[in-house]
Amino acid sequence: MTATRRRTRRRLRAAAVARKVRELRRLVPGGEAVPADRLLLHAAGYVAELRARVELLRALAALLTCAAHAADDGVDIVRRGPGGADMEVDSRDDTLPGAWSGSSSVGVGRHVPVSHDSPNI
């Protein structure tokens, strides 16, 4: 291979890398402000953050799907009220009792109280 061909190939590769760096800068938030030598690390962090968000959304979707199926099956939602007292609410009932306001733990089960350490959650 001649020296001219090597230079041409090197120039084409450099142009391809420059295009890819421009595209990466465009895709990664804040990528325009990051120096080229740190861009790949910044992009890797962004991808890790996106993966975590996807996992969170998948878990929420699974939880909501389970809750929807439980409601369709007529499963009662058991909620721990103030002082740890169990309150059962029929999931087929559209009205929520006043005891549902405030902070308390929620679980889904067939007329059985469910705590945070339950495998049903």
PDB file of N, CA and C in Angstrom:
ATOM      1  N   MET A   1       0.847  -1.170   0.000  1.00  0.00           N
ATOM      2  CA  MET A   1       0.000   0.000   0.000  1.00  0.00           C
ATOM      3  C   MET A   1       0.896   1.239   0.000  1.00  0.00           C
ATOM      4  N   THR A   2       0.552   2.170  -0.800  1.00  0.00           N
ATOM      5  CA  THR A   2       1.382   3.362  -0.917  1.00  0.00           C
ATOM      6  C   THR A   2       1.100   4.336   0.217  1.00  0.00           C
ATOM      7  N   ALA A   3       1.998   5.266   0.389  1.00  0.00           N
ATOM      8  CA  ALA A   3       1.857   6.263   1.448  1.00  0.00           C
ATOM      9  C   ALA A   3       0.626   7.143   1.215  1.00  0.00           C
ATOM     10  N   THR A   4       0.334   7.425  -0.037  1.00  0.00           N
ATOM     11  CA  THR A   4      -0.836   8.258  -0.356  1.00  0.00           C
ATOM     12  C   THR A   4      -2.130   7.561   0.068  1.00  0.00           C
ATOM     13  N   ARG A   5      -2.216   6.274  -0.191  1.00  0.00           N
ATOM     14  CA  ARG A   5      -3.417   5.522   0.208  1.00  0.00           C
ATOM     15  C   ARG A   5      -3.563   5.473   1.720  1.00  0.00           C
ATOM     16  N   ARG A   6      -2.446   5.296   2.423  1.00  0.00           N
ATOM     17  CA  ARG A   6      -2.492   5.261   3.887  1.00  0.00           C
ATOM     18  C   ARG A   6      -2.980   6.595   4.446  1.00  0.00           C
ATOM     19  N   ARG A   7      -2.470   7.688   3.899  1.00  0.00           N
ATOM     20  CA  ARG A   7      -2.907   9.010   4.354  1.00  0.00           C
ATOM     21  C   ARG A   7      -4.393   9.207   4.074  1.00  0.00           C
ATOM     22  N   THR A   8      -4.845   8.754   2.911  1.00  0.00           N
ATOM     23  CA  THR A   8      -6.254   8.891   2.548  1.00  0.00           C
ATOM     24  C   THR A   8      -7.130   8.090   3.507  1.00  0.00           C
ATOM     25  N   ARG A   9      -6.732   6.874   3.778  1.00  0.00           N
ATOM     26  CA  ARG A   9      -7.506   6.036   4.708  1.00  0.00           C
ATOM     27  C   ARG A   9      -7.527   6.649   6.104  1.00  0.00           C
ATOM     28  N   ARG A  10      -6.380   7.158   6.553  1.00  0.00           N
ATOM     29  CA  ARG A  10      -6.299   7.791   7.860  1.00  0.00           C
ATOM     30  C   ARG A  10      -7.215   9.024   7.923  1.00  0.00           C
ATOM     31  N   ARG A  11      -7.237   9.810   6.858  1.00  0.00           N
ATOM     32  CA  ARG A  11      -8.078  11.003   6.804  1.00  0.00           C
ATOM     33  C   ARG A  11      -9.567  10.620   6.821  1.00  0.00           C
ATOM     34  N   LEU A  12      -9.927   9.554   6.097  1.00  0.00           N
ATOM     35  CA  LEU A  12     -11.317   9.092   6.082  1.00  0.00           C
ATOM     36  C   LEU A  12     -11.741   8.582   7.456  1.00  0.00           C
ATOM     37  N   ARG A  13     -10.853   7.838   8.127  1.00  0.00           N
ATOM     38  CA  ARG A  13     -11.161   7.354   9.473  1.00  0.00           C
ATOM     39  C   ARG A  13     -11.318   8.508  10.451  1.00  0.00           C
ATOM     40  N   ALA A  14     -10.447   9.507  10.347  1.00  0.00           N
ATOM     41  CA  ALA A  14     -10.529  10.670  11.235  1.00  0.00           C
ATOM     42  C   ALA A  14     -11.844  11.426  11.006  1.00  0.00           C
ATOM     43  N   ALA A  15     -12.267  11.537   9.765  1.00  0.00           N
ATOM     44  CA  ALA A  15     -13.532  12.216   9.457  1.00  0.00           C
ATOM     45  C   ALA A  15     -14.708  11.425  10.015  1.00  0.00           C
ATOM     46  N   ALA A  16     -14.648  10.102   9.926  1.00  0.00           N
ATOM     47  CA  ALA A  16     -15.720   9.262  10.470  1.00  0.00           C
ATOM     48  C   ALA A  16     -15.787   9.388  11.985  1.00  0.00           C
ATOM     49  N   VAL A  17     -14.645   9.414  12.641  1.00  0.00           N
ATOM     50  CA  VAL A  17     -14.615   9.578  14.099  1.00  0.00           C
ATOM     51  C   VAL A  17     -15.158  10.951  14.479  1.00  0.00           C
ATOM     52  N   ALA A  18     -14.793  11.974  13.743  1.00  0.00           N
ATOM     53  CA  ALA A  18     -15.288  13.324  14.030  1.00  0.00           C
ATOM     54  C   ALA A  18     -16.806  13.394  13.891  1.00  0.00           C
ATOM     55  N   ARG A  19     -17.362  12.726  12.895  1.00  0.00           N
ATOM     56  CA  ARG A  19     -18.830  12.678  12.728  1.00  0.00           C
ATOM     57  C   ARG A  19     -19.477  11.987  13.921  1.00  0.00           C
ATOM     58  N   LYS A  20     -18.880  10.888  14.354  1.00  0.00           N
ATOM     59  CA  LYS A  20     -19.434  10.144  15.485  1.00  0.00           C
ATOM     60  C   LYS A  20     -19.347  10.950  16.780  1.00  0.00           C
ATOM     61  N   VAL A  21     -18.281  11.694  16.963  1.00  0.00           N
ATOM     62  CA  VAL A  21     -18.134  12.538  18.154  1.00  0.00           C
ATOM     63  C   VAL A  21     -19.186  13.648  18.126  1.00  0.00           C
ATOM     64  N   ARG A  22     -19.406  14.264  16.968  1.00  0.00           N
ATOM     65  CA  ARG A  22     -20.449  15.289  16.850  1.00  0.00           C
ATOM     66  C   ARG A  22     -21.818  14.708  17.183  1.00  0.00           C
ATOM     67  N   GLU A  23     -22.099  13.521  16.693  1.00  0.00           N
ATOM     68  CA  GLU A  23     -23.383  12.870  16.964  1.00  0.00           C
ATOM     69  C   GLU A  23     -23.526  12.551  18.456  1.00  0.00           C
ATOM     70  N   LEU A  24     -22.463  12.070  19.070  1.00  0.00           N
ATOM     71  CA  LEU A  24     -22.489  11.770  20.501  1.00  0.00           C
ATOM     72  C   LEU A  24     -22.707  13.043  21.316  1.00  0.00           C
ATOM     73  N   ARG A  25     -22.051  14.120  20.933  1.00  0.00           N
ATOM     74  CA  ARG A  25     -22.255  15.404  21.613  1.00  0.00           C
ATOM     75  C   ARG A  25     -23.712  15.839  21.519  1.00  0.00           C
ATOM     76  N   ARG A  26     -24.338  15.589  20.381  1.00  0.00           N
ATOM     77  CA  ARG A  26     -25.728  15.978  20.174  1.00  0.00           C
ATOM     78  C   ARG A  26     -26.670  15.123  21.024  1.00  0.00           C
ATOM     79  N   LEU A  27     -26.357  13.840  21.206  1.00  0.00           N
ATOM     80  CA  LEU A  27     -27.241  12.920  21.922  1.00  0.00           C
ATOM     81  C   LEU A  27     -27.150  13.019  23.441  1.00  0.00           C
ATOM     82  N   VAL A  28     -25.984  13.324  23.951  1.00  0.00           N
ATOM     83  CA  VAL A  28     -25.756  13.339  25.394  1.00  0.00           C
ATOM     84  C   VAL A  28     -25.995  14.744  25.930  1.00  0.00           C
ATOM     85  N   PRO A  29     -26.917  14.895  26.887  1.00  0.00           N
ATOM     86  CA  PRO A  29     -27.138  16.215  27.480  1.00  0.00           C
ATOM     87  C   PRO A  29     -25.854  16.761  28.090  1.00  0.00           C
ATOM     88  N   GLY A  30     -25.525  17.993  27.768  1.00  0.00           N
ATOM     89  CA  GLY A  30     -24.307  18.616  28.263  1.00  0.00           C
ATOM     90  C   GLY A  30     -23.074  18.201  27.492  1.00  0.00           C
ATOM     91  N   GLY A  31     -23.239  17.418  26.461  1.00  0.00           N
ATOM     92  CA  GLY A  31     -22.096  16.921  25.688  1.00  0.00           C
ATOM     93  C   GLY A  31     -21.339  17.996  24.946  1.00  0.00           C
ATOM     94  N   GLU A  32     -22.018  19.092  24.615  1.00  0.00           N
ATOM     95  CA  GLU A  32     -21.356  20.172  23.895  1.00  0.00           C
ATOM     96  C   GLU A  32     -20.293  20.847  24.750  1.00  0.00           C
ATOM     97  N   ALA A  33     -20.500  20.836  26.074  1.00  0.00           N
ATOM     98  CA  ALA A  33     -19.583  21.529  26.983  1.00  0.00           C
ATOM     99  C   ALA A  33     -18.451  20.637  27.477  1.00  0.00           C
ATOM    100  N   VAL A  34     -18.499  19.358  27.173  1.00  0.00           N
ATOM    101  CA  VAL A  34     -17.494  18.416  27.674  1.00  0.00           C
ATOM    102  C   VAL A  34     -16.357  18.301  26.659  1.00  0.00           C
ATOM    103  N   PRO A  35     -15.105  18.364  27.131  1.00  0.00           N
ATOM    104  CA  PRO A  35     -13.975  18.172  26.209  1.00  0.00           C
ATOM    105  C   PRO A  35     -14.033  16.783  25.569  1.00  0.00           C
ATOM    106  N   ALA A  36     -13.519  16.672  24.372  1.00  0.00           N
ATOM    107  CA  ALA A  36     -13.595  15.419  23.615  1.00  0.00           C
ATOM    108  C   ALA A  36     -12.993  14.247  24.365  1.00  0.00           C
ATOM    109  N   ASP A  37     -11.921  14.469  25.109  1.00  0.00           N
ATOM    110  CA  ASP A  37     -11.280  13.358  25.816  1.00  0.00           C
ATOM    111  C   ASP A  37     -12.112  12.864  27.001  1.00  0.00           C
ATOM    112  N   ARG A  38     -13.087  13.633  27.474  1.00  0.00           N
ATOM    113  CA  ARG A  38     -13.949  13.223  28.581  1.00  0.00           C
ATOM    114  C   ARG A  38     -15.361  12.860  28.113  1.00  0.00           C
ATOM    115  N   LEU A  39     -15.622  13.060  26.828  1.00  0.00           N
ATOM    116  CA  LEU A  39     -16.966  12.846  26.297  1.00  0.00           C
ATOM    117  C   LEU A  39     -17.436  11.403  26.468  1.00  0.00           C
ATOM    118  N   LEU A  40     -16.569  10.445  26.226  1.00  0.00           N
ATOM    119  CA  LEU A  40     -16.956   9.047  26.337  1.00  0.00           C
ATOM    120  C   LEU A  40     -17.321   8.685  27.781  1.00  0.00           C
ATOM    121  N   LEU A  41     -16.573   9.187  28.747  1.00  0.00           N
ATOM    122  CA  LEU A  41     -16.907   8.947  30.157  1.00  0.00           C
ATOM    123  C   LEU A  41     -18.237   9.590  30.521  1.00  0.00           C
ATOM    124  N   HIS A  42     -18.463  10.795  30.026  1.00  0.00           N
ATOM    125  CA  HIS A  42     -19.730  11.489  30.272  1.00  0.00           C
ATOM    126  C   HIS A  42     -20.890  10.697  29.657  1.00  0.00           C
ATOM    127  N   ALA A  43     -20.695  10.203  28.455  1.00  0.00           N
ATOM    128  CA  ALA A  43     -21.734   9.414  27.775  1.00  0.00           C
ATOM    129  C   ALA A  43     -22.000   8.108  28.526  1.00  0.00           C
ATOM    130  N   ALA A  44     -20.956   7.474  29.030  1.00  0.00           N
ATOM    131  CA  ALA A  44     -21.128   6.228  29.776  1.00  0.00           C
ATOM    132  C   ALA A  44     -21.950   6.469  31.047  1.00  0.00           C
ATOM    133  N   GLY A  45     -21.696   7.573  31.730  1.00  0.00           N
ATOM    134  CA  GLY A  45     -22.478   7.912  32.910  1.00  0.00           C
ATOM    135  C   GLY A  45     -23.936   8.159  32.558  1.00  0.00           C
ATOM    136  N   TYR A  46     -24.158   8.819  31.437  1.00  0.00           N
ATOM    137  CA  TYR A  46     -25.522   9.092  30.988  1.00  0.00           C
ATOM    138  C   TYR A  46     -26.252   7.795  30.648  1.00  0.00           C
ATOM    139  N   VAL A  47     -25.572   6.873  30.004  1.00  0.00           N
ATOM    140  CA  VAL A  47     -26.181   5.582  29.668  1.00  0.00           C
ATOM    141  C   VAL A  47     -26.525   4.818  30.942  1.00  0.00           C
ATOM    142  N   ALA A  48     -25.646   4.845  31.924  1.00  0.00           N
ATOM    143  CA  ALA A  48     -25.930   4.171  33.203  1.00  0.00           C
ATOM    144  C   ALA A  48     -27.157   4.790  33.875  1.00  0.00           C
ATOM    145  N   GLU A  49     -27.274   6.113  33.808  1.00  0.00           N
ATOM    146  CA  GLU A  49     -28.438   6.792  34.383  1.00  0.00           C
ATOM    147  C   GLU A  49     -29.712   6.389  33.642  1.00  0.00           C
ATOM    148  N   LEU A  50     -29.641   6.310  32.327  1.00  0.00           N
ATOM    149  CA  LEU A  50     -30.807   5.886  31.548  1.00  0.00           C
ATOM    150  C   LEU A  50     -31.212   4.458  31.886  1.00  0.00           C
ATOM    151  N   ARG A  51     -30.234   3.574  32.046  1.00  0.00           N
ATOM    152  CA  ARG A  51     -30.541   2.188  32.419  1.00  0.00           C
ATOM    153  C   ARG A  51     -31.260   2.123  33.761  1.00  0.00           C
ATOM    154  N   ALA A  52     -30.797   2.921  34.713  1.00  0.00           N
ATOM    155  CA  ALA A  52     -31.443   2.942  36.028  1.00  0.00           C
ATOM    156  C   ALA A  52     -32.882   3.433  35.907  1.00  0.00           C
ATOM    157  N   ARG A  53     -33.091   4.440  35.080  1.00  0.00           N
ATOM    158  CA  ARG A  53     -34.455   4.948  34.873  1.00  0.00           C
ATOM    159  C   ARG A  53     -35.340   3.890  34.230  1.00  0.00           C
ATOM    160  N   VAL A  54     -34.799   3.172  33.263  1.00  0.00           N
ATOM    161  CA  VAL A  54     -35.574   2.117  32.598  1.00  0.00           C
ATOM    162  C   VAL A  54     -35.953   1.033  33.597  1.00  0.00           C
ATOM    163  N   GLU A  55     -35.023   0.630  34.443  1.00  0.00           N
ATOM    164  CA  GLU A  55     -35.314  -0.386  35.459  1.00  0.00           C
ATOM    165  C   GLU A  55     -36.390   0.095  36.421  1.00  0.00           C
ATOM    166  N   LEU A  56     -36.309   1.364  36.817  1.00  0.00           N
ATOM    167  CA  LEU A  56     -37.324   1.926  37.702  1.00  0.00           C
ATOM    168  C   LEU A  56     -38.693   1.917  37.022  1.00  0.00           C
ATOM    169  N   LEU A  57     -38.743   2.335  35.770  1.00  0.00           N
ATOM    170  CA  LEU A  57     -40.011   2.355  35.047  1.00  0.00           C
ATOM    171  C   LEU A  57     -40.571   0.950  34.845  1.00  0.00           C
ATOM    172  N   ARG A  58     -39.693  -0.009  34.587  1.00  0.00           N
ATOM    173  CA  ARG A  58     -40.153  -1.400  34.452  1.00  0.00           C
ATOM    174  C   ARG A  58     -40.756  -1.904  35.765  1.00  0.00           C
ATOM    175  N   ALA A  59     -40.096  -1.583  36.874  1.00  0.00           N
ATOM    176  CA  ALA A  59     -40.602  -2.014  38.180  1.00  0.00           C
ATOM    177  C   ALA A  59     -41.950  -1.352  38.475  1.00  0.00           C
ATOM    178  N   LEU A  60     -42.064  -0.067  38.172  1.00  0.00           N
ATOM    179  CA  LEU A  60     -43.341   0.618  38.379  1.00  0.00           C
ATOM    180  C   LEU A  60     -44.439   0.038  37.500  1.00  0.00           C
ATOM    181  N   ALA A  61     -44.099  -0.264  36.251  1.00  0.00           N
ATOM    182  CA  ALA A  61     -45.087  -0.858  35.348  1.00  0.00           C
ATOM    183  C   ALA A  61     -45.539  -2.220  35.865  1.00  0.00           C
ATOM    184  N   ALA A  62     -44.598  -3.019  36.356  1.00  0.00           N
ATOM    185  CA  ALA A  62     -44.956  -4.331  36.898  1.00  0.00           C
ATOM    186  C   ALA A  62     -45.842  -4.184  38.126  1.00  0.00           C
ATOM    187  N   LEU A  63     -45.507  -3.233  38.984  1.00  0.00           N
ATOM    188  CA  LEU A  63     -46.312  -2.991  40.177  1.00  0.00           C
ATOM    189  C   LEU A  63     -47.723  -2.547  39.807  1.00  0.00           C
ATOM    190  N   LEU A  64     -47.820  -1.633  38.860  1.00  0.00           N
ATOM    191  CA  LEU A  64     -49.137  -1.159  38.440  1.00  0.00           C
ATOM    192  C   LEU A  64     -49.933  -2.252  37.744  1.00  0.00           C
ATOM    193  N   THR A  65     -49.255  -3.094  36.979  1.00  0.00           N
ATOM    194  CA  THR A  65     -49.932  -4.210  36.320  1.00  0.00           C
ATOM    195  C   THR A  65     -50.482  -5.179  37.360  1.00  0.00           C
ATOM    196  N   CYS A  66     -49.681  -5.485  38.372  1.00  0.00           N
ATOM    197  CA  CYS A  66     -50.148  -6.373  39.455  1.00  0.00           C
ATOM    198  C   CYS A  66     -51.332  -5.760  40.178  1.00  0.00           C
ATOM    199  N   ALA A  67     -51.264  -4.467  40.460  1.00  0.00           N
ATOM    200  CA  ALA A  67     -52.361  -3.799  41.153  1.00  0.00           C
ATOM    201  C   ALA A  67     -53.621  -3.808  40.289  1.00  0.00           C
ATOM    202  N   ALA A  68     -53.466  -3.610  38.984  1.00  0.00           N
ATOM    203  CA  ALA A  68     -54.628  -3.613  38.089  1.00  0.00           C
ATOM    204  C   ALA A  68     -55.252  -5.003  38.030  1.00  0.00           C
ATOM    205  N   HIS A  69     -54.406  -6.042  37.951  1.00  0.00           N
ATOM    206  CA  HIS A  69     -54.933  -7.414  37.931  1.00  0.00           C
ATOM    207  C   HIS A  69     -55.621  -7.745  39.246  1.00  0.00           C
ATOM    208  N   ALA A  70     -55.045  -7.276  40.349  1.00  0.00           N
ATOM    209  CA  ALA A  70     -55.648  -7.525  41.659  1.00  0.00           C
ATOM    210  C   ALA A  70     -57.011  -6.849  41.737  1.00  0.00           C
ATOM    211  N   ALA A  71     -57.106  -5.643  41.217  1.00  0.00           N
ATOM    212  CA  ALA A  71     -58.389  -4.932  41.236  1.00  0.00           C
ATOM    213  C   ALA A  71     -59.408  -5.646  40.351  1.00  0.00           C
ATOM    214  N   ASP A  72     -58.963  -6.144  39.196  1.00  0.00           N
ATOM    215  CA  ASP A  72     -59.857  -6.884  38.305  1.00  0.00           C
ATOM    216  C   ASP A  72     -60.360  -8.172  38.953  1.00  0.00           C
ATOM    217  N   ASP A  73     -59.507  -8.788  39.782  1.00  0.00           N
ATOM    218  CA  ASP A  73     -59.869 -10.041  40.444  1.00  0.00           C
ATOM    219  C   ASP A  73     -60.678  -9.808  41.717  1.00  0.00           C
ATOM    220  N   GLY A  74     -60.890  -8.536  42.077  1.00  0.00           N
ATOM    221  CA  GLY A  74     -61.651  -8.234  43.279  1.00  0.00           C
ATOM    222  C   GLY A  74     -60.861  -8.419  44.551  1.00  0.00           C
ATOM    223  N   VAL A  75     -59.556  -8.341  44.452  1.00  0.00           N
ATOM    224  CA  VAL A  75     -58.710  -8.489  45.632  1.00  0.00           C
ATOM    225  C   VAL A  75     -58.838  -7.231  46.470  1.00  0.00           C
ATOM    226  N   ASP A  76     -58.944  -7.419  47.764  1.00  0.00           N
ATOM    227  CA  ASP A  76     -59.039  -6.283  48.662  1.00  0.00           C
ATOM    228  C   ASP A  76     -57.653  -5.723  48.928  1.00  0.00           C
ATOM    229  N   ILE A  77     -57.593  -4.423  49.032  1.00  0.00           N
ATOM    230  CA  ILE A  77     -56.350  -3.758  49.377  1.00  0.00           C
ATOM    231  C   ILE A  77     -56.364  -3.560  50.886  1.00  0.00           C
ATOM    232  N   VAL A  78     -55.303  -3.989  51.522  1.00  0.00           N
ATOM    233  CA  VAL A  78     -55.199  -3.877  52.972  1.00  0.00           C
ATOM    234  C   VAL A  78     -54.185  -2.797  53.260  1.00  0.00           C
ATOM    235  N   ARG A  79     -54.574  -1.860  54.094  1.00  0.00           N
ATOM    236  CA  ARG A  79     -53.701  -0.733  54.404  1.00  0.00           C
ATOM    237  C   ARG A  79     -53.547  -0.622  55.908  1.00  0.00           C
ATOM    238  N   ARG A  80     -52.330  -0.377  56.331  1.00  0.00           N
ATOM    239  CA  ARG A  80     -52.097  -0.170  57.755  1.00  0.00           C
ATOM    240  C   ARG A  80     -52.357   1.303  58.055  1.00  0.00           C
ATOM    241  N   GLY A  81     -53.243   1.522  58.975  1.00  0.00           N
ATOM    242  CA  GLY A  81     -53.596   2.884  59.354  1.00  0.00           C
ATOM    243  C   GLY A  81     -52.772   3.356  60.520  1.00  0.00           C
ATOM    244  N   PRO A  82     -53.151   4.487  61.080  1.00  0.00           N
ATOM    245  CA  PRO A  82     -52.441   5.018  62.247  1.00  0.00           C
ATOM    246  C   PRO A  82     -52.454   4.002  63.387  1.00  0.00           C
ATOM    247  N   GLY A  83     -51.348   3.846  64.044  1.00  0.00           N
ATOM    248  CA  GLY A  83     -51.255   2.903  65.154  1.00  0.00           C
ATOM    249  C   GLY A  83     -51.116   1.465  64.693  1.00  0.00           C
ATOM    250  N   GLY A  84     -50.958   1.220  63.388  1.00  0.00           N
ATOM    251  CA  GLY A  84     -50.767  -0.123  62.859  1.00  0.00           C
ATOM    252  C   GLY A  84     -52.037  -0.913  62.671  1.00  0.00           C
ATOM    253  N   ALA A  85     -53.212  -0.273  62.866  1.00  0.00           N
ATOM    254  CA  ALA A  85     -54.474  -0.993  62.694  1.00  0.00           C
ATOM    255  C   ALA A  85     -54.687  -1.291  61.212  1.00  0.00           C
ATOM    256  N   ASP A  86     -55.174  -2.518  60.928  1.00  0.00           N
ATOM    257  CA  ASP A  86     -55.449  -2.905  59.549  1.00  0.00           C
ATOM    258  C   ASP A  86     -56.782  -2.324  59.100  1.00  0.00           C
ATOM    259  N   MET A  87     -56.812  -1.805  57.881  1.00  0.00           N
ATOM    260  CA  MET A  87     -58.050  -1.311  57.288  1.00  0.00           C
ATOM    261  C   MET A  87     -58.194  -2.008  55.945  1.00  0.00           C
ATOM    262  N   GLU A  88     -59.291  -2.713  55.740  1.00  0.00           N
ATOM    263  CA  GLU A  88     -59.522  -3.386  54.467  1.00  0.00           C
ATOM    264  C   GLU A  88     -60.468  -2.550  53.635  1.00  0.00           C
ATOM    265  N   VAL A  89     -60.129  -2.404  52.377  1.00  0.00           N
ATOM    266  CA  VAL A  89     -60.971  -1.667  51.450  1.00  0.00           C
ATOM    267  C   VAL A  89     -61.178  -2.549  50.241  1.00  0.00           C
ATOM    268  N   ASP A  90     -62.411  -2.789  49.880  1.00  0.00           N
ATOM    269  CA  ASP A  90     -62.713  -3.613  48.716  1.00  0.00           C
ATOM    270  C   ASP A  90     -62.279  -2.855  47.479  1.00  0.00           C
ATOM    271  N   SER A  91     -61.434  -3.447  46.648  1.00  0.00           N
ATOM    272  CA  SER A  91     -60.921  -2.773  45.466  1.00  0.00           C
ATOM    273  C   SER A  91     -62.011  -2.492  44.443  1.00  0.00           C
ATOM    274  N   ARG A  92     -63.158  -3.139  44.592  1.00  0.00           N
ATOM    275  CA  ARG A  92     -64.271  -2.873  43.675  1.00  0.00           C
ATOM    276  C   ARG A  92     -65.033  -1.627  44.081  1.00  0.00           C
ATOM    277  N   ASP A  93     -64.764  -1.127  45.282  1.00  0.00           N
ATOM    278  CA  ASP A  93     -65.445   0.054  45.799  1.00  0.00           C
ATOM    279  C   ASP A  93     -64.715   1.291  45.305  1.00  0.00           C
ATOM    280  N   ASP A  94     -65.447   2.206  44.663  1.00  0.00           N
ATOM    281  CA  ASP A  94     -64.832   3.409  44.123  1.00  0.00           C
ATOM    282  C   ASP A  94     -64.606   4.488  45.171  1.00  0.00           C
ATOM    283  N   THR A  95     -65.208   4.362  46.325  1.00  0.00           N
ATOM    284  CA  THR A  95     -65.058   5.385  47.351  1.00  0.00           C
ATOM    285  C   THR A  95     -63.918   5.017  48.272  1.00  0.00           C
ATOM    286  N   LEU A  96     -63.146   6.006  48.646  1.00  0.00           N
ATOM    287  CA  LEU A  96     -62.040   5.771  49.562  1.00  0.00           C
ATOM    288  C   LEU A  96     -62.395   6.353  50.917  1.00  0.00           C
ATOM    289  N   PRO A  97     -62.238   5.595  51.983  1.00  0.00           N
ATOM    290  CA  PRO A  97     -62.558   6.122  53.309  1.00  0.00           C
ATOM    291  C   PRO A  97     -61.573   7.208  53.701  1.00  0.00           C
ATOM    292  N   GLY A  98     -61.998   8.076  54.616  1.00  0.00           N
ATOM    293  CA  GLY A  98     -61.135   9.152  55.075  1.00  0.00           C
ATOM    294  C   GLY A  98     -59.854   8.646  55.696  1.00  0.00           C
ATOM    295  N   ALA A  99     -59.844   7.417  56.201  1.00  0.00           N
ATOM    296  CA  ALA A  99     -58.650   6.858  56.835  1.00  0.00           C
ATOM    297  C   ALA A  99     -57.521   6.653  55.832  1.00  0.00           C
ATOM    298  N   TRP A 100     -57.796   6.782  54.533  1.00  0.00           N
ATOM    299  CA  TRP A 100     -56.742   6.596  53.533  1.00  0.00           C
ATOM    300  C   TRP A 100     -55.832   7.797  53.434  1.00  0.00           C
ATOM    301  N   SER A 101     -56.202   8.924  54.019  1.00  0.00           N
ATOM    302  CA  SER A 101     -55.330  10.093  53.948  1.00  0.00           C
ATOM    303  C   SER A 101     -54.225   9.948  54.981  1.00  0.00           C
ATOM    304  N   GLY A 102     -53.130  10.615  54.756  1.00  0.00           N
ATOM    305  CA  GLY A 102     -52.008  10.536  55.679  1.00  0.00           C
ATOM    306  C   GLY A 102     -51.026   9.471  55.240  1.00  0.00           C
ATOM    307  N   SER A 103     -49.988   9.282  56.039  1.00  0.00           N
ATOM    308  CA  SER A 103     -48.967   8.315  55.642  1.00  0.00           C
ATOM    309  C   SER A 103     -49.228   6.974  56.318  1.00  0.00           C
ATOM    310  N   SER A 104     -49.128   5.943  55.538  1.00  0.00           N
ATOM    311  CA  SER A 104     -49.247   4.579  56.056  1.00  0.00           C
ATOM    312  C   SER A 104     -48.691   3.642  55.000  1.00  0.00           C
ATOM    313  N   SER A 105     -48.516   2.377  55.350  1.00  0.00           N
ATOM    314  CA  SER A 105     -47.969   1.416  54.397  1.00  0.00           C
ATOM    315  C   SER A 105     -49.116   0.761  53.634  1.00  0.00           C
ATOM    316  N   VAL A 106     -48.835   0.388  52.384  1.00  0.00           N
ATOM    317  CA  VAL A 106     -49.859  -0.203  51.528  1.00  0.00           C
ATOM    318  C   VAL A 106     -49.397  -1.577  51.091  1.00  0.00           C
ATOM    319  N   GLY A 107     -50.331  -2.516  50.997  1.00  0.00           N
ATOM    320  CA  GLY A 107     -50.019  -3.838  50.479  1.00  0.00           C
ATOM    321  C   GLY A 107     -51.224  -4.386  49.769  1.00  0.00           C
ATOM    322  N   VAL A 108     -51.057  -5.422  48.986  1.00  0.00           N
ATOM    323  CA  VAL A 108     -52.158  -6.064  48.288  1.00  0.00           C
ATOM    324  C   VAL A 108     -52.181  -7.520  48.699  1.00  0.00           C
ATOM    325  N   GLY A 109     -53.345  -8.016  49.077  1.00  0.00           N
ATOM    326  CA  GLY A 109     -53.463  -9.407  49.454  1.00  0.00           C
ATOM    327  C   GLY A 109     -54.920  -9.794  49.537  1.00  0.00           C
ATOM    328  N   ARG A 110     -55.211 -11.035  49.680  1.00  0.00           N
ATOM    329  CA  ARG A 110     -56.590 -11.499  49.776  1.00  0.00           C
ATOM    330  C   ARG A 110     -57.014 -11.455  51.238  1.00  0.00           C
ATOM    331  N   HIS A 111     -57.528 -10.301  51.666  1.00  0.00           N
ATOM    332  CA  HIS A 111     -58.005 -10.061  53.028  1.00  0.00           C
ATOM    333  C   HIS A 111     -56.930 -10.358  54.069  1.00  0.00           C
ATOM    334  N   VAL A 112     -55.677 -10.213  53.687  1.00  0.00           N
ATOM    335  CA  VAL A 112     -54.576 -10.473  54.605  1.00  0.00           C
ATOM    336  C   VAL A 112     -53.716  -9.228  54.664  1.00  0.00           C
ATOM    337  N   PRO A 113     -53.387  -8.741  55.857  1.00  0.00           N
ATOM    338  CA  PRO A 113     -52.522  -7.570  55.946  1.00  0.00           C
ATOM    339  C   PRO A 113     -51.162  -7.877  55.334  1.00  0.00           C
ATOM    340  N   VAL A 114     -50.607  -6.911  54.653  1.00  0.00           N
ATOM    341  CA  VAL A 114     -49.300  -7.090  54.001  1.00  0.00           C
ATOM    342  C   VAL A 114     -48.383  -6.003  54.497  1.00  0.00           C
ATOM    343  N   SER A 115     -47.176  -6.376  54.888  1.00  0.00           N
ATOM    344  CA  SER A 115     -46.206  -5.397  55.356  1.00  0.00           C
ATOM    345  C   SER A 115     -45.142  -5.189  54.296  1.00  0.00           C
ATOM    346  N   HIS A 116     -44.240  -4.250  54.551  1.00  0.00           N
ATOM    347  CA  HIS A 116     -43.196  -3.940  53.565  1.00  0.00           C
ATOM    348  C   HIS A 116     -42.271  -5.113  53.318  1.00  0.00           C
ATOM    349  N   ASP A 117     -42.077  -6.003  54.300  1.00  0.00           N
ATOM    350  CA  ASP A 117     -41.173  -7.118  54.106  1.00  0.00           C
ATOM    351  C   ASP A 117     -41.870  -8.331  53.506  1.00  0.00           C
ATOM    352  N   SER A 118     -43.097  -8.167  53.077  1.00  0.00           N
ATOM    353  CA  SER A 118     -43.844  -9.283  52.495  1.00  0.00           C
ATOM    354  C   SER A 118     -43.367  -9.579  51.081  1.00  0.00           C
ATOM    355  N   PRO A 119     -43.284 -10.840  50.682  1.00  0.00           N
ATOM    356  CA  PRO A 119     -42.885 -11.168  49.310  1.00  0.00           C
ATOM    357  C   PRO A 119     -43.955 -10.802  48.291  1.00  0.00           C
ATOM    358  N   ASN A 120     -45.145 -10.387  48.727  1.00  0.00           N
ATOM    359  CA  ASN A 120     -46.210 -10.023  47.789  1.00  0.00           C
ATOM    360  C   ASN A 120     -45.993  -8.674  47.157  1.00  0.00           C
ATOM    361  N   ILE A 121     -45.090  -7.879  47.686  1.00  0.00           N
ATOM    362  CA  ILE A 121     -44.883  -6.527  47.159  1.00  0.00           C
ATOM    363  C   ILE A 121     -43.805  -6.549  46.124  1.00  0.00           C
TER     364      ILE A 121
END
